[in-house]
Amino acid sequence: MSEAGPSIFTRIVAREIPADIVFESDSMIAFRDIAPKAPVHLLVVPKTDEFANVVELAAGDPALLAEVVATAHRLAQEFSNGEFRLIFNTGPSSGQTVFHVHAHVLSGALEEGSLGRQ
């Protein structure tokens, strides 16, 4: 949690803000991005707000990072053809706007060189 209060993702986990949730476990939640950049654009979010970005997550809880990746794979199989692009934005200059670690799962009709800002 930041000084400004809980992140939008913490508030989604707490059901204070609605989201189109496609998966949930004890430690993870996944939902559709409200501004999709691909035919399938899902966000995979650990329920803990302890980690601001993937670097902190990898250092602090590698098993949870592995669970994020496994969840992304499962969702790509369920919602697309199993192939996907997994994006973690780390820091404001990379496009990160929510400082609660999360992965973007993009799939469906993506081309090499189409990597855009998230």
C-alpha atoms as a PDB file:
ATOM      1  CA  MET A   1       0.000   0.000   0.000  1.00  0.00           C
ATOM      2  CA  SER A   2       1.288   3.455  -0.840  1.00  0.00           C
ATOM      3  CA  GLU A   3       0.885   6.684   1.096  1.00  0.00           C
ATOM      4  CA  ALA A   4      -2.010   7.543  -1.215  1.00  0.00           C
ATOM      5  CA  GLY A   5      -3.894   4.442  -0.071  1.00  0.00           C
ATOM      6  CA  PRO A   6      -4.514   1.028  -1.564  1.00  0.00           C
ATOM      7  CA  SER A   7      -3.877   0.480  -5.259  1.00  0.00           C
ATOM      8  CA  ILE A   8      -6.705  -0.105  -7.693  1.00  0.00           C
ATOM      9  CA  PHE A   9      -5.700  -3.790  -7.761  1.00  0.00           C
ATOM     10  CA  THR A  10      -5.868  -4.065  -3.969  1.00  0.00           C
ATOM     11  CA  ARG A  11      -9.320  -2.533  -4.204  1.00  0.00           C
ATOM     12  CA  ILE A  12     -10.351  -5.038  -6.917  1.00  0.00           C
ATOM     13  CA  VAL A  13      -9.138  -7.911  -4.719  1.00  0.00           C
ATOM     14  CA  ALA A  14     -11.237  -6.468  -1.858  1.00  0.00           C
ATOM     15  CA  ARG A  15     -14.241  -6.172  -4.243  1.00  0.00           C
ATOM     16  CA  GLU A  16     -14.396  -2.411  -3.698  1.00  0.00           C
ATOM     17  CA  ILE A  17     -14.054  -1.874  -7.471  1.00  0.00           C
ATOM     18  CA  PRO A  18     -15.719  -4.167 -10.023  1.00  0.00           C
ATOM     19  CA  ALA A  19     -13.692  -6.097 -12.581  1.00  0.00           C
ATOM     20  CA  ASP A  20     -14.354  -8.796 -15.169  1.00  0.00           C
ATOM     21  CA  ILE A  21     -12.649 -11.544 -13.164  1.00  0.00           C
ATOM     22  CA  VAL A  22     -11.667 -14.636 -15.161  1.00  0.00           C
ATOM     23  CA  PHE A  23      -9.679 -16.535 -12.516  1.00  0.00           C
ATOM     24  CA  GLU A  24      -9.174 -16.493  -8.776  1.00  0.00           C
ATOM     25  CA  SER A  25      -7.250 -18.579  -6.263  1.00  0.00           C
ATOM     26  CA  ASP A  26      -6.198 -18.006  -2.666  1.00  0.00           C
ATOM     27  CA  SER A  27      -3.143 -16.024  -3.784  1.00  0.00           C
ATOM     28  CA  MET A  28      -3.973 -14.739  -7.277  1.00  0.00           C
ATOM     29  CA  ILE A  29      -6.655 -12.931  -9.254  1.00  0.00           C
ATOM     30  CA  ALA A  30      -6.910 -12.365 -13.006  1.00  0.00           C
ATOM     31  CA  PHE A  31      -9.237 -10.079 -14.906  1.00  0.00           C
ATOM     32  CA  ARG A  32      -9.697  -8.448 -18.296  1.00  0.00           C
ATOM     33  CA  ASP A  33      -7.812  -5.206 -18.911  1.00  0.00           C
ATOM     34  CA  ILE A  34     -10.222  -2.271 -19.312  1.00  0.00           C
ATOM     35  CA  ALA A  35      -8.117  -0.883 -22.198  1.00  0.00           C
ATOM     36  CA  PRO A  36      -7.044  -4.017 -24.110  1.00  0.00           C
ATOM     37  CA  LYS A  37      -4.014  -3.883 -26.418  1.00  0.00           C
ATOM     38  CA  ALA A  38      -4.704  -7.308 -27.980  1.00  0.00           C
ATOM     39  CA  PRO A  39      -7.694  -9.577 -28.652  1.00  0.00           C
ATOM     40  CA  VAL A  40      -6.912 -11.263 -25.312  1.00  0.00           C
ATOM     41  CA  HIS A  41      -5.516  -8.900 -22.677  1.00  0.00           C
ATOM     42  CA  LEU A  42      -5.696 -10.154 -19.119  1.00  0.00           C
ATOM     43  CA  LEU A  43      -4.001  -8.957 -15.946  1.00  0.00           C
ATOM     44  CA  VAL A  44      -2.630 -11.513 -13.498  1.00  0.00           C
ATOM     45  CA  VAL A  45      -2.279  -9.969 -10.053  1.00  0.00           C
ATOM     46  CA  PRO A  46      -1.008 -11.507  -6.817  1.00  0.00           C
ATOM     47  CA  LYS A  47      -3.444 -10.679  -4.031  1.00  0.00           C
ATOM     48  CA  THR A  48      -0.661  -9.418  -1.789  1.00  0.00           C
ATOM     49  CA  ASP A  49       0.256  -5.762  -2.174  1.00  0.00           C
ATOM     50  CA  GLU A  50       3.707  -6.392  -0.682  1.00  0.00           C
ATOM     51  CA  PHE A  51       5.533  -6.120  -4.029  1.00  0.00           C
ATOM     52  CA  ALA A  52       5.440  -3.061  -6.289  1.00  0.00           C
ATOM     53  CA  ASN A  53       7.048  -4.733  -9.316  1.00  0.00           C
ATOM     54  CA  VAL A  54       8.369  -8.007 -10.705  1.00  0.00           C
ATOM     55  CA  VAL A  55      11.929  -7.385  -9.477  1.00  0.00           C
ATOM     56  CA  GLU A  56      10.689  -7.104  -5.899  1.00  0.00           C
ATOM     57  CA  LEU A  57       8.492 -10.181  -6.394  1.00  0.00           C
ATOM     58  CA  ALA A  58      11.358 -12.273  -7.802  1.00  0.00           C
ATOM     59  CA  ALA A  59      13.589 -11.336  -4.871  1.00  0.00           C
ATOM     60  CA  GLY A  60      10.910 -11.663  -2.198  1.00  0.00           C
ATOM     61  CA  ASP A  61       8.789 -14.617  -3.304  1.00  0.00           C
ATOM     62  CA  PRO A  62      10.055 -16.548  -6.339  1.00  0.00           C
ATOM     63  CA  ALA A  63       7.370 -19.213  -5.858  1.00  0.00           C
ATOM     64  CA  LEU A  64       4.660 -16.580  -6.219  1.00  0.00           C
ATOM     65  CA  LEU A  65       6.342 -15.310  -9.396  1.00  0.00           C
ATOM     66  CA  ALA A  66       6.300 -18.869 -10.753  1.00  0.00           C
ATOM     67  CA  GLU A  67       2.594 -19.014  -9.914  1.00  0.00           C
ATOM     68  CA  VAL A  68       1.986 -15.786 -11.874  1.00  0.00           C
ATOM     69  CA  VAL A  69       3.682 -17.343 -14.924  1.00  0.00           C
ATOM     70  CA  ALA A  70       1.792 -20.639 -14.550  1.00  0.00           C
ATOM     71  CA  THR A  71      -1.496 -18.748 -14.223  1.00  0.00           C
ATOM     72  CA  ALA A  72      -0.690 -16.722 -17.350  1.00  0.00           C
ATOM     73  CA  HIS A  73      -0.043 -19.949 -19.255  1.00  0.00           C
ATOM     74  CA  ARG A  74      -3.288 -21.531 -18.027  1.00  0.00           C
ATOM     75  CA  LEU A  75      -5.286 -18.441 -19.024  1.00  0.00           C
ATOM     76  CA  ALA A  76      -3.659 -18.287 -22.472  1.00  0.00           C
ATOM     77  CA  GLN A  77      -4.694 -21.903 -23.003  1.00  0.00           C
ATOM     78  CA  GLU A  78      -8.232 -21.186 -21.854  1.00  0.00           C
ATOM     79  CA  PHE A  79      -8.822 -17.889 -23.664  1.00  0.00           C
ATOM     80  CA  SER A  80      -6.600 -18.297 -26.727  1.00  0.00           C
ATOM     81  CA  ASN A  81      -4.383 -20.856 -28.449  1.00  0.00           C
ATOM     82  CA  GLY A  82      -1.921 -21.203 -25.560  1.00  0.00           C
ATOM     83  CA  GLU A  83       0.609 -18.815 -27.075  1.00  0.00           C
ATOM     84  CA  PHE A  84       1.018 -15.503 -25.297  1.00  0.00           C
ATOM     85  CA  ARG A  85       3.149 -12.485 -24.569  1.00  0.00           C
ATOM     86  CA  LEU A  86       3.827 -11.831 -20.873  1.00  0.00           C
ATOM     87  CA  ILE A  87       4.696  -8.256 -19.934  1.00  0.00           C
ATOM     88  CA  PHE A  88       5.768  -6.819 -16.593  1.00  0.00           C
ATOM     89  CA  ASN A  89       6.222  -3.045 -16.580  1.00  0.00           C
ATOM     90  CA  THR A  90       8.731  -2.007 -13.912  1.00  0.00           C
ATOM     91  CA  GLY A  91       8.918   1.690 -13.109  1.00  0.00           C
ATOM     92  CA  PRO A  92       7.150   4.773 -14.414  1.00  0.00           C
ATOM     93  CA  SER A  93       9.371   5.235 -17.485  1.00  0.00           C
ATOM     94  CA  SER A  94       8.488   1.695 -18.624  1.00  0.00           C
ATOM     95  CA  GLY A  95       4.777   2.462 -18.483  1.00  0.00           C
ATOM     96  CA  GLN A  96       3.982   1.125 -15.009  1.00  0.00           C
ATOM     97  CA  THR A  97       1.100   3.127 -13.572  1.00  0.00           C
ATOM     98  CA  VAL A  98      -0.107   0.779 -10.816  1.00  0.00           C
ATOM     99  CA  PHE A  99       2.605  -0.077  -8.300  1.00  0.00           C
ATOM    100  CA  HIS A 100       1.170  -3.433  -7.269  1.00  0.00           C
ATOM    101  CA  VAL A 101       3.001  -6.160  -9.195  1.00  0.00           C
ATOM    102  CA  HIS A 102       0.997  -7.523 -12.121  1.00  0.00           C
ATOM    103  CA  ALA A 103       1.537  -9.258 -15.437  1.00  0.00           C
ATOM    104  CA  HIS A 104      -0.148  -8.423 -18.727  1.00  0.00           C
ATOM    105  CA  VAL A 105      -1.111 -11.545 -20.696  1.00  0.00           C
ATOM    106  CA  LEU A 106      -1.542 -10.667 -24.378  1.00  0.00           C
ATOM    107  CA  SER A 107      -2.612 -13.162 -26.999  1.00  0.00           C
ATOM    108  CA  GLY A 108      -4.341 -13.461 -30.343  1.00  0.00           C
ATOM    109  CA  ALA A 109      -3.068 -12.098 -33.656  1.00  0.00           C
ATOM    110  CA  LEU A 110       0.130 -10.541 -32.272  1.00  0.00           C
ATOM    111  CA  GLU A 111       3.019  -9.888 -34.626  1.00  0.00           C
ATOM    112  CA  GLU A 112       6.740  -9.557 -33.931  1.00  0.00           C
ATOM    113  CA  GLY A 113       7.570  -5.894 -33.473  1.00  0.00           C
ATOM    114  CA  SER A 114       4.094  -5.076 -32.176  1.00  0.00           C
ATOM    115  CA  LEU A 115       5.316  -4.583 -28.631  1.00  0.00           C
ATOM    116  CA  GLY A 116       3.619  -1.417 -27.484  1.00  0.00           C
ATOM    117  CA  ARG A 117       3.214   0.598 -24.359  1.00  0.00           C
ATOM    118  CA  GLN A 118       0.935  -0.922 -21.776  1.00  0.00           C
END
